[in-house]
Amino acid sequence: MEAPAETYRDGDLTLTRWHPGDRTVLTAVVSGSLEHLGAWMIWATGGYTDDDSSEFLRLTGQRWDSGEAYEYALMLGAELAGSVGLMRRDGGVEIGYWLARGFVGRGLMTRAVTLLTEEAFRLGAGYVEIKHDELNVRSGAVPARLGFTKVRSEPAEKPLAPSCTGTNHVWRLARRPGSAPAAP
């Protein structure tokens, strides 16, 4: 799969590559959503500091440069609403995501995942997968709404966030037969 663009837009929704200058806003948004995020994401338990943001942004830059993952700030207008990323897998990609507390239930992640799924297929991915804890019904609603198929359940990586069961559902959407990846 080729590298994706650094920015995508869909009306008032923008996905833009994370940069070191995003540290302060990232810390503020995550800190304001710790209870909401910490239930499902181990990195959001026990507080979130500027140092945590700096380390995330450093790793995000490394992963982008190496082609391992392409992670985006999800913006609604001028507000940071969450994050979404493409992680390379053998023959395809996995999409991971989170939304800040005040942005849940507005269809934003469905729009963002639609953009990145279409782009992943255009760039040559054979499939897109989404994983979530079996109890995280909001995360599972996104792939279900977009026509992904639940293909398996598997043990989650440890350590686990407080609400996690240790079992992830894995959803997959394969590139349609006959659709070609982008020309080199």
N, C-alpha and C. Protein backbone atom coordinates (compact mmCIF):
# COMPACT_ATOMS: atom_id res chain seq x y z
N MET A 1 0.84 -1.18 0.00
CA MET A 1 0.00 0.00 0.00
C MET A 1 0.88 1.24 0.00
N GLU A 2 0.52 2.19 -0.80
CA GLU A 2 1.22 3.48 -0.84
C GLU A 2 0.91 4.28 0.43
N ALA A 3 1.71 5.32 0.67
CA ALA A 3 1.45 6.23 1.79
C ALA A 3 0.26 7.11 1.47
N PRO A 4 -0.62 7.34 2.45
CA PRO A 4 -1.77 8.22 2.22
C PRO A 4 -1.37 9.69 2.29
N ALA A 5 -2.31 10.55 1.95
CA ALA A 5 -2.11 12.00 2.04
C ALA A 5 -2.05 12.41 3.52
N GLU A 6 -1.54 13.59 3.77
CA GLU A 6 -1.45 14.09 5.14
C GLU A 6 -2.75 14.73 5.61
N THR A 7 -3.66 15.05 4.69
CA THR A 7 -4.92 15.69 5.05
C THR A 7 -6.05 15.17 4.17
N TYR A 8 -7.21 14.94 4.79
CA TYR A 8 -8.45 14.59 4.09
C TYR A 8 -9.56 15.46 4.64
N ARG A 9 -10.52 15.80 3.76
CA ARG A 9 -11.65 16.64 4.19
C ARG A 9 -12.96 16.05 3.72
N ASP A 10 -13.97 16.20 4.56
CA ASP A 10 -15.34 15.85 4.23
C ASP A 10 -16.23 16.90 4.90
N GLY A 11 -16.53 17.97 4.17
CA GLY A 11 -17.31 19.06 4.75
C GLY A 11 -16.56 19.70 5.91
N ASP A 12 -17.18 19.72 7.09
CA ASP A 12 -16.57 20.33 8.26
C ASP A 12 -15.62 19.40 9.00
N LEU A 13 -15.45 18.18 8.52
CA LEU A 13 -14.57 17.18 9.13
C LEU A 13 -13.24 17.17 8.39
N THR A 14 -12.15 17.25 9.14
CA THR A 14 -10.81 17.19 8.56
C THR A 14 -9.99 16.16 9.31
N LEU A 15 -9.29 15.33 8.57
CA LEU A 15 -8.29 14.43 9.14
C LEU A 15 -6.94 15.00 8.73
N THR A 16 -6.11 15.29 9.71
CA THR A 16 -4.81 15.87 9.41
C THR A 16 -3.73 15.16 10.21
N ARG A 17 -2.60 14.94 9.56
CA ARG A 17 -1.49 14.26 10.22
C ARG A 17 -1.13 14.99 11.51
N TRP A 18 -0.87 14.19 12.57
CA TRP A 18 -0.42 14.77 13.84
C TRP A 18 0.96 15.40 13.68
N HIS A 19 1.19 16.51 14.40
CA HIS A 19 2.49 17.19 14.41
C HIS A 19 2.86 17.54 15.85
N PRO A 20 4.14 17.73 16.14
CA PRO A 20 4.56 18.07 17.51
C PRO A 20 3.85 19.29 18.09
N GLY A 21 3.46 20.24 17.26
CA GLY A 21 2.77 21.43 17.75
C GLY A 21 1.36 21.16 18.26
N ASP A 22 0.87 19.93 18.10
CA ASP A 22 -0.47 19.56 18.57
C ASP A 22 -0.48 19.14 20.05
N ARG A 23 0.67 19.20 20.70
CA ARG A 23 0.80 18.67 22.06
C ARG A 23 -0.20 19.28 23.04
N THR A 24 -0.29 20.58 23.11
CA THR A 24 -1.12 21.24 24.11
C THR A 24 -2.60 20.92 23.93
N VAL A 25 -3.09 21.00 22.69
CA VAL A 25 -4.50 20.71 22.45
C VAL A 25 -4.80 19.23 22.68
N LEU A 26 -3.88 18.34 22.29
CA LEU A 26 -4.06 16.91 22.53
C LEU A 26 -4.17 16.62 24.02
N THR A 27 -3.28 17.20 24.81
CA THR A 27 -3.32 17.00 26.27
C THR A 27 -4.64 17.49 26.83
N ALA A 28 -5.08 18.65 26.42
CA ALA A 28 -6.33 19.22 26.94
C ALA A 28 -7.54 18.35 26.58
N VAL A 29 -7.61 17.89 25.34
CA VAL A 29 -8.77 17.11 24.90
C VAL A 29 -8.79 15.75 25.59
N VAL A 30 -7.65 15.08 25.63
CA VAL A 30 -7.61 13.77 26.30
C VAL A 30 -7.89 13.94 27.79
N SER A 31 -7.28 14.93 28.42
CA SER A 31 -7.50 15.16 29.85
C SER A 31 -8.97 15.42 30.16
N GLY A 32 -9.67 16.09 29.27
CA GLY A 32 -11.08 16.38 29.46
C GLY A 32 -11.99 15.18 29.19
N SER A 33 -11.41 14.10 28.70
CA SER A 33 -12.19 12.91 28.36
C SER A 33 -11.64 11.64 29.03
N LEU A 34 -10.88 11.79 30.10
CA LEU A 34 -10.22 10.63 30.70
C LEU A 34 -11.19 9.54 31.13
N GLU A 35 -12.27 9.90 31.78
CA GLU A 35 -13.22 8.87 32.23
C GLU A 35 -13.81 8.13 31.04
N HIS A 36 -14.19 8.87 30.03
CA HIS A 36 -14.78 8.31 28.81
C HIS A 36 -13.77 7.42 28.08
N LEU A 37 -12.56 7.91 27.84
CA LEU A 37 -11.54 7.16 27.10
C LEU A 37 -10.92 6.04 27.92
N GLY A 38 -10.67 6.33 29.20
CA GLY A 38 -9.98 5.38 30.06
C GLY A 38 -10.74 4.08 30.27
N ALA A 39 -12.03 4.09 30.07
CA ALA A 39 -12.79 2.85 30.19
C ALA A 39 -12.32 1.80 29.18
N TRP A 40 -11.88 2.26 27.99
CA TRP A 40 -11.54 1.35 26.89
C TRP A 40 -10.08 1.40 26.46
N MET A 41 -9.36 2.47 26.83
CA MET A 41 -7.99 2.65 26.35
C MET A 41 -7.04 2.76 27.54
N ILE A 42 -6.16 1.80 27.66
CA ILE A 42 -5.26 1.74 28.82
C ILE A 42 -4.39 2.99 28.92
N TRP A 43 -4.04 3.59 27.81
CA TRP A 43 -3.18 4.78 27.84
C TRP A 43 -3.90 6.00 28.44
N ALA A 44 -5.22 5.92 28.57
CA ALA A 44 -5.99 7.06 29.12
C ALA A 44 -6.41 6.82 30.57
N THR A 45 -5.81 5.86 31.21
CA THR A 45 -6.10 5.63 32.63
C THR A 45 -4.99 6.28 33.45
N GLY A 46 -5.34 6.84 34.58
CA GLY A 46 -4.32 7.40 35.47
C GLY A 46 -3.80 8.76 35.06
N GLY A 47 -4.53 9.50 34.23
CA GLY A 47 -4.10 10.84 33.85
C GLY A 47 -3.41 10.86 32.50
N TYR A 48 -3.28 12.07 31.97
CA TYR A 48 -2.64 12.26 30.67
C TYR A 48 -1.96 13.62 30.70
N THR A 49 -0.65 13.64 30.47
CA THR A 49 0.15 14.85 30.62
C THR A 49 0.72 15.33 29.28
N ASP A 50 1.33 16.49 29.32
CA ASP A 50 2.05 16.98 28.13
C ASP A 50 3.15 16.01 27.73
N ASP A 51 3.79 15.37 28.71
CA ASP A 51 4.82 14.37 28.38
C ASP A 51 4.22 13.19 27.63
N ASP A 52 3.01 12.76 28.04
CA ASP A 52 2.33 11.68 27.32
C ASP A 52 2.03 12.10 25.88
N SER A 53 1.54 13.32 25.71
CA SER A 53 1.26 13.84 24.37
C SER A 53 2.53 13.91 23.54
N SER A 54 3.60 14.42 24.12
CA SER A 54 4.87 14.52 23.39
C SER A 54 5.36 13.15 22.93
N GLU A 55 5.26 12.16 23.79
CA GLU A 55 5.70 10.82 23.43
C GLU A 55 4.81 10.23 22.33
N PHE A 56 3.50 10.40 22.44
CA PHE A 56 2.59 9.94 21.40
C PHE A 56 2.94 10.60 20.07
N LEU A 57 3.14 11.90 20.07
CA LEU A 57 3.43 12.61 18.83
C LEU A 57 4.78 12.22 18.25
N ARG A 58 5.76 11.95 19.11
CA ARG A 58 7.07 11.47 18.64
C ARG A 58 6.92 10.12 17.95
N LEU A 59 6.20 9.20 18.62
CA LEU A 59 5.99 7.87 18.05
C LEU A 59 5.16 7.92 16.77
N THR A 60 4.17 8.80 16.75
CA THR A 60 3.33 8.96 15.56
C THR A 60 4.19 9.39 14.37
N GLY A 61 5.09 10.34 14.60
CA GLY A 61 5.99 10.78 13.54
C GLY A 61 6.90 9.66 13.05
N GLN A 62 7.42 8.88 13.99
CA GLN A 62 8.27 7.74 13.64
C GLN A 62 7.52 6.72 12.80
N ARG A 63 6.31 6.39 13.26
CA ARG A 63 5.51 5.38 12.55
C ARG A 63 5.13 5.86 11.15
N TRP A 64 4.83 7.16 11.03
CA TRP A 64 4.48 7.71 9.71
C TRP A 64 5.69 7.59 8.78
N ASP A 65 6.84 8.05 9.27
CA ASP A 65 8.05 8.04 8.44
C ASP A 65 8.46 6.63 8.02
N SER A 66 8.23 5.64 8.89
CA SER A 66 8.61 4.26 8.57
C SER A 66 7.55 3.55 7.73
N GLY A 67 6.34 4.13 7.64
CA GLY A 67 5.25 3.50 6.91
C GLY A 67 4.50 2.47 7.73
N GLU A 68 4.80 2.38 9.01
CA GLU A 68 4.12 1.42 9.90
C GLU A 68 2.67 1.83 10.15
N ALA A 69 2.43 3.12 10.33
CA ALA A 69 1.09 3.61 10.64
C ALA A 69 0.97 5.07 10.21
N TYR A 70 -0.26 5.46 9.92
CA TYR A 70 -0.57 6.83 9.50
C TYR A 70 -1.71 7.31 10.40
N GLU A 71 -1.37 8.19 11.34
CA GLU A 71 -2.32 8.60 12.37
C GLU A 71 -2.70 10.07 12.18
N TYR A 72 -4.00 10.33 12.39
CA TYR A 72 -4.57 11.64 12.11
C TYR A 72 -5.30 12.22 13.31
N ALA A 73 -5.19 13.54 13.44
CA ALA A 73 -6.08 14.29 14.33
C ALA A 73 -7.40 14.42 13.58
N LEU A 74 -8.50 14.13 14.26
CA LEU A 74 -9.83 14.28 13.67
C LEU A 74 -10.37 15.62 14.15
N MET A 75 -10.53 16.54 13.23
CA MET A 75 -10.97 17.89 13.55
C MET A 75 -12.39 18.11 13.07
N LEU A 76 -13.20 18.75 13.90
CA LEU A 76 -14.52 19.22 13.48
C LEU A 76 -14.43 20.73 13.51
N GLY A 77 -14.38 21.32 12.33
CA GLY A 77 -14.07 22.75 12.25
C GLY A 77 -12.68 22.96 12.83
N ALA A 78 -12.58 23.84 13.83
CA ALA A 78 -11.29 24.12 14.47
C ALA A 78 -11.08 23.31 15.75
N GLU A 79 -12.02 22.42 16.09
CA GLU A 79 -11.92 21.67 17.34
C GLU A 79 -11.38 20.26 17.13
N LEU A 80 -10.46 19.86 18.01
CA LEU A 80 -9.97 18.49 18.00
C LEU A 80 -11.06 17.60 18.60
N ALA A 81 -11.55 16.64 17.81
CA ALA A 81 -12.63 15.76 18.25
C ALA A 81 -12.14 14.36 18.58
N GLY A 82 -10.96 13.99 18.09
CA GLY A 82 -10.47 12.64 18.34
C GLY A 82 -9.28 12.32 17.47
N SER A 83 -9.10 11.02 17.25
CA SER A 83 -7.97 10.55 16.47
C SER A 83 -8.38 9.28 15.74
N VAL A 84 -7.79 9.07 14.57
CA VAL A 84 -8.04 7.87 13.78
C VAL A 84 -6.76 7.56 13.01
N GLY A 85 -6.48 6.29 12.84
CA GLY A 85 -5.24 5.93 12.16
C GLY A 85 -5.34 4.64 11.38
N LEU A 86 -4.49 4.54 10.37
CA LEU A 86 -4.30 3.33 9.57
C LEU A 86 -3.01 2.67 10.01
N MET A 87 -3.08 1.39 10.36
CA MET A 87 -1.89 0.64 10.74
C MET A 87 -1.70 -0.49 9.73
N ARG A 88 -0.54 -0.56 9.13
CA ARG A 88 -0.27 -1.59 8.13
C ARG A 88 -0.33 -2.98 8.75
N ARG A 89 -0.94 -3.88 8.02
CA ARG A 89 -0.99 -5.29 8.37
C ARG A 89 -0.64 -6.07 7.10
N ASP A 90 -0.33 -7.33 7.22
CA ASP A 90 0.04 -8.14 6.07
C ASP A 90 -1.10 -8.17 5.06
N GLY A 91 -0.96 -7.47 3.95
CA GLY A 91 -1.96 -7.45 2.90
C GLY A 91 -3.07 -6.43 3.08
N GLY A 92 -3.09 -5.74 4.22
CA GLY A 92 -4.17 -4.80 4.45
C GLY A 92 -3.82 -3.79 5.52
N VAL A 93 -4.85 -3.22 6.14
CA VAL A 93 -4.66 -2.24 7.20
C VAL A 93 -5.67 -2.48 8.31
N GLU A 94 -5.33 -2.01 9.48
CA GLU A 94 -6.26 -1.94 10.60
C GLU A 94 -6.52 -0.47 10.88
N ILE A 95 -7.76 -0.13 11.17
CA ILE A 95 -8.11 1.24 11.56
C ILE A 95 -8.41 1.24 13.05
N GLY A 96 -7.78 2.16 13.75
CA GLY A 96 -8.06 2.37 15.17
C GLY A 96 -8.53 3.80 15.38
N TYR A 97 -9.32 4.03 16.45
CA TYR A 97 -9.89 5.36 16.63
C TYR A 97 -10.36 5.60 18.05
N TRP A 98 -10.50 6.90 18.36
CA TRP A 98 -11.15 7.35 19.59
C TRP A 98 -11.77 8.73 19.35
N LEU A 99 -12.80 9.01 20.12
CA LEU A 99 -13.43 10.33 20.09
C LEU A 99 -13.47 10.91 21.49
N ALA A 100 -13.29 12.22 21.58
CA ALA A 100 -13.44 12.92 22.85
C ALA A 100 -14.91 12.86 23.28
N ARG A 101 -15.13 12.96 24.56
CA ARG A 101 -16.46 12.79 25.15
C ARG A 101 -17.55 13.61 24.45
N GLY A 102 -17.34 14.86 24.18
CA GLY A 102 -18.37 15.72 23.63
C GLY A 102 -18.68 15.50 22.16
N PHE A 103 -18.00 14.58 21.51
CA PHE A 103 -18.17 14.38 20.06
C PHE A 103 -18.77 13.02 19.70
N VAL A 104 -19.11 12.24 20.69
CA VAL A 104 -19.67 10.91 20.48
C VAL A 104 -21.12 11.03 19.99
N GLY A 105 -21.52 10.11 19.14
CA GLY A 105 -22.92 10.04 18.71
C GLY A 105 -23.32 11.02 17.63
N ARG A 106 -22.34 11.58 16.93
CA ARG A 106 -22.62 12.56 15.88
C ARG A 106 -22.27 12.07 14.48
N GLY A 107 -21.86 10.82 14.39
CA GLY A 107 -21.51 10.25 13.08
C GLY A 107 -20.12 10.61 12.59
N LEU A 108 -19.34 11.28 13.42
CA LEU A 108 -18.01 11.73 12.99
C LEU A 108 -17.07 10.57 12.68
N MET A 109 -17.06 9.56 13.55
CA MET A 109 -16.13 8.46 13.31
C MET A 109 -16.57 7.64 12.10
N THR A 110 -17.85 7.51 11.88
CA THR A 110 -18.31 6.82 10.69
C THR A 110 -17.81 7.54 9.44
N ARG A 111 -17.88 8.85 9.43
CA ARG A 111 -17.39 9.63 8.29
C ARG A 111 -15.88 9.47 8.13
N ALA A 112 -15.14 9.53 9.24
CA ALA A 112 -13.68 9.42 9.18
C ALA A 112 -13.26 8.03 8.71
N VAL A 113 -13.89 7.00 9.22
CA VAL A 113 -13.54 5.63 8.82
C VAL A 113 -13.91 5.40 7.36
N THR A 114 -15.00 5.98 6.90
CA THR A 114 -15.36 5.89 5.48
C THR A 114 -14.25 6.48 4.62
N LEU A 115 -13.79 7.68 4.97
CA LEU A 115 -12.71 8.32 4.21
C LEU A 115 -11.47 7.45 4.15
N LEU A 116 -11.05 6.94 5.32
CA LEU A 116 -9.80 6.17 5.36
C LEU A 116 -9.95 4.79 4.73
N THR A 117 -11.12 4.19 4.82
CA THR A 117 -11.34 2.90 4.18
C THR A 117 -11.25 3.05 2.67
N GLU A 118 -11.95 4.03 2.12
CA GLU A 118 -11.90 4.27 0.68
C GLU A 118 -10.46 4.56 0.23
N GLU A 119 -9.75 5.35 1.02
CA GLU A 119 -8.37 5.69 0.65
C GLU A 119 -7.46 4.47 0.75
N ALA A 120 -7.64 3.65 1.78
CA ALA A 120 -6.81 2.44 1.91
C ALA A 120 -6.98 1.54 0.69
N PHE A 121 -8.22 1.35 0.23
CA PHE A 121 -8.44 0.53 -0.95
C PHE A 121 -7.85 1.18 -2.19
N ARG A 122 -8.01 2.49 -2.32
CA ARG A 122 -7.44 3.19 -3.48
C ARG A 122 -5.93 3.04 -3.52
N LEU A 123 -5.30 3.00 -2.34
CA LEU A 123 -3.84 2.90 -2.26
C LEU A 123 -3.32 1.47 -2.30
N GLY A 124 -4.22 0.50 -2.39
CA GLY A 124 -3.78 -0.88 -2.61
C GLY A 124 -3.97 -1.87 -1.48
N ALA A 125 -4.59 -1.47 -0.37
CA ALA A 125 -4.84 -2.43 0.70
C ALA A 125 -5.85 -3.47 0.24
N GLY A 126 -5.63 -4.72 0.60
CA GLY A 126 -6.54 -5.79 0.23
C GLY A 126 -7.74 -5.89 1.15
N TYR A 127 -7.59 -5.38 2.37
CA TYR A 127 -8.68 -5.41 3.34
C TYR A 127 -8.46 -4.32 4.38
N VAL A 128 -9.53 -4.02 5.10
CA VAL A 128 -9.48 -3.11 6.24
C VAL A 128 -10.11 -3.85 7.41
N GLU A 129 -9.43 -3.84 8.57
CA GLU A 129 -9.97 -4.44 9.78
C GLU A 129 -10.14 -3.40 10.87
N ILE A 130 -11.12 -3.63 11.73
CA ILE A 130 -11.35 -2.82 12.93
C ILE A 130 -11.53 -3.79 14.08
N LYS A 131 -10.83 -3.53 15.20
CA LYS A 131 -10.94 -4.36 16.40
C LYS A 131 -11.47 -3.51 17.54
N HIS A 132 -12.28 -4.14 18.39
CA HIS A 132 -12.77 -3.45 19.58
C HIS A 132 -13.14 -4.47 20.65
N ASP A 133 -13.12 -4.06 21.90
CA ASP A 133 -13.55 -4.95 22.97
C ASP A 133 -15.01 -5.33 22.75
N GLU A 134 -15.34 -6.57 23.09
CA GLU A 134 -16.69 -7.06 22.84
C GLU A 134 -17.78 -6.25 23.53
N LEU A 135 -17.45 -5.55 24.62
CA LEU A 135 -18.45 -4.73 25.31
C LEU A 135 -18.52 -3.30 24.81
N ASN A 136 -17.58 -2.89 23.97
CA ASN A 136 -17.57 -1.51 23.47
C ASN A 136 -18.49 -1.42 22.24
N VAL A 137 -19.78 -1.34 22.51
CA VAL A 137 -20.77 -1.38 21.43
C VAL A 137 -20.70 -0.15 20.53
N ARG A 138 -20.31 1.00 21.06
CA ARG A 138 -20.18 2.19 20.21
C ARG A 138 -19.09 1.99 19.16
N SER A 139 -17.95 1.43 19.56
CA SER A 139 -16.89 1.18 18.58
C SER A 139 -17.33 0.14 17.56
N GLY A 140 -18.07 -0.86 18.00
CA GLY A 140 -18.55 -1.89 17.09
C GLY A 140 -19.61 -1.41 16.13
N ALA A 141 -20.31 -0.35 16.49
CA ALA A 141 -21.37 0.17 15.61
C ALA A 141 -20.79 0.76 14.32
N VAL A 142 -19.57 1.27 14.38
CA VAL A 142 -18.98 1.89 13.19
C VAL A 142 -18.77 0.88 12.08
N PRO A 143 -18.03 -0.22 12.30
CA PRO A 143 -17.87 -1.17 11.20
C PRO A 143 -19.18 -1.83 10.79
N ALA A 144 -20.07 -2.08 11.74
CA ALA A 144 -21.36 -2.68 11.40
C ALA A 144 -22.14 -1.77 10.45
N ARG A 145 -22.13 -0.48 10.74
CA ARG A 145 -22.85 0.51 9.92
C ARG A 145 -22.25 0.61 8.51
N LEU A 146 -20.95 0.35 8.39
CA LEU A 146 -20.26 0.52 7.11
C LEU A 146 -20.15 -0.76 6.29
N GLY A 147 -20.82 -1.83 6.72
CA GLY A 147 -20.84 -3.05 5.92
C GLY A 147 -19.69 -4.00 6.17
N PHE A 148 -18.89 -3.77 7.21
CA PHE A 148 -17.85 -4.73 7.57
C PHE A 148 -18.54 -5.99 8.10
N THR A 149 -17.84 -7.10 8.06
CA THR A 149 -18.33 -8.37 8.59
C THR A 149 -17.51 -8.75 9.80
N LYS A 150 -18.18 -9.15 10.87
CA LYS A 150 -17.45 -9.64 12.05
C LYS A 150 -16.91 -11.02 11.69
N VAL A 151 -15.57 -11.14 11.67
CA VAL A 151 -14.94 -12.37 11.18
C VAL A 151 -14.40 -13.26 12.30
N ARG A 152 -14.15 -12.69 13.48
CA ARG A 152 -13.63 -13.53 14.55
C ARG A 152 -13.59 -12.75 15.86
N SER A 153 -13.38 -13.48 16.91
CA SER A 153 -13.05 -12.90 18.21
C SER A 153 -11.67 -13.40 18.58
N GLU A 154 -10.91 -12.58 19.29
CA GLU A 154 -9.54 -12.96 19.65
C GLU A 154 -9.16 -12.33 20.97
N PRO A 155 -8.17 -12.90 21.64
CA PRO A 155 -7.72 -12.29 22.89
C PRO A 155 -7.12 -10.91 22.64
N ALA A 156 -7.41 -9.97 23.54
CA ALA A 156 -6.85 -8.62 23.45
C ALA A 156 -5.46 -8.61 24.05
N GLU A 157 -4.66 -7.67 23.56
CA GLU A 157 -3.33 -7.48 24.14
C GLU A 157 -3.47 -6.90 25.54
N LYS A 158 -2.61 -7.30 26.43
CA LYS A 158 -2.61 -6.79 27.80
C LYS A 158 -1.51 -5.76 27.93
N PRO A 159 -1.64 -4.81 28.84
CA PRO A 159 -2.67 -4.68 29.88
C PRO A 159 -3.98 -4.15 29.30
N LEU A 160 -5.06 -4.41 30.04
CA LEU A 160 -6.39 -4.02 29.61
C LEU A 160 -6.89 -2.81 30.37
N ALA A 161 -7.69 -1.99 29.71
CA ALA A 161 -8.38 -0.88 30.37
C ALA A 161 -9.50 -1.46 31.24
N PRO A 162 -10.00 -0.69 32.22
CA PRO A 162 -10.94 -1.22 33.21
C PRO A 162 -12.22 -1.86 32.67
N SER A 163 -12.80 -1.36 31.59
CA SER A 163 -14.06 -1.91 31.07
C SER A 163 -13.86 -3.06 30.10
N CYS A 164 -12.63 -3.36 29.74
CA CYS A 164 -12.36 -4.38 28.73
C CYS A 164 -12.45 -5.78 29.31
N THR A 165 -12.95 -6.69 28.48
CA THR A 165 -13.14 -8.09 28.89
C THR A 165 -11.93 -8.95 28.58
N GLY A 166 -11.09 -8.50 27.65
CA GLY A 166 -9.97 -9.32 27.20
C GLY A 166 -10.27 -10.04 25.89
N THR A 167 -11.46 -9.80 25.34
CA THR A 167 -11.83 -10.39 24.06
C THR A 167 -12.18 -9.28 23.08
N ASN A 168 -11.50 -9.27 21.95
CA ASN A 168 -11.79 -8.30 20.90
C ASN A 168 -12.62 -8.95 19.80
N HIS A 169 -13.56 -8.19 19.26
CA HIS A 169 -14.24 -8.57 18.02
C HIS A 169 -13.45 -7.95 16.88
N VAL A 170 -13.30 -8.71 15.82
CA VAL A 170 -12.56 -8.25 14.65
C VAL A 170 -13.52 -8.21 13.46
N TRP A 171 -13.60 -7.03 12.85
CA TRP A 171 -14.46 -6.79 11.69
C TRP A 171 -13.57 -6.59 10.48
N ARG A 172 -14.03 -7.06 9.33
CA ARG A 172 -13.22 -6.94 8.11
C ARG A 172 -14.09 -6.55 6.92
N LEU A 173 -13.50 -5.71 6.09
CA LEU A 173 -14.08 -5.37 4.80
C LEU A 173 -12.99 -5.60 3.76
N ALA A 174 -13.27 -6.45 2.78
CA ALA A 174 -12.29 -6.74 1.73
C ALA A 174 -12.54 -5.85 0.53
N ARG A 175 -11.46 -5.53 -0.16
CA ARG A 175 -11.59 -4.76 -1.39
C ARG A 175 -12.43 -5.59 -2.36
N ARG A 176 -13.35 -4.95 -3.02
CA ARG A 176 -14.24 -5.65 -3.95
C ARG A 176 -13.42 -6.28 -5.08
N PRO A 177 -13.79 -7.50 -5.47
CA PRO A 177 -13.12 -8.13 -6.60
C PRO A 177 -13.21 -7.24 -7.84
N GLY A 178 -12.11 -7.17 -8.56
CA GLY A 178 -12.10 -6.37 -9.77
C GLY A 178 -11.73 -4.91 -9.55
N SER A 179 -11.74 -4.46 -8.29
CA SER A 179 -11.30 -3.07 -8.08
C SER A 179 -9.79 -3.07 -7.97
N ALA A 180 -9.17 -2.22 -8.70
CA ALA A 180 -7.71 -2.22 -8.78
C ALA A 180 -7.14 -1.17 -7.84
N PRO A 181 -5.96 -1.46 -7.29
CA PRO A 181 -5.28 -0.41 -6.52
C PRO A 181 -4.83 0.72 -7.43
N ALA A 182 -4.45 1.81 -6.82
CA ALA A 182 -3.98 2.98 -7.57
C ALA A 182 -2.75 2.59 -8.41
N ALA A 183 -2.65 3.19 -9.57
CA ALA A 183 -1.48 2.96 -10.42
C ALA A 183 -0.26 3.61 -9.78
N PRO A 184 0.91 2.99 -9.94
CA PRO A 184 2.14 3.57 -9.35
C PRO A 184 2.53 4.88 -9.98
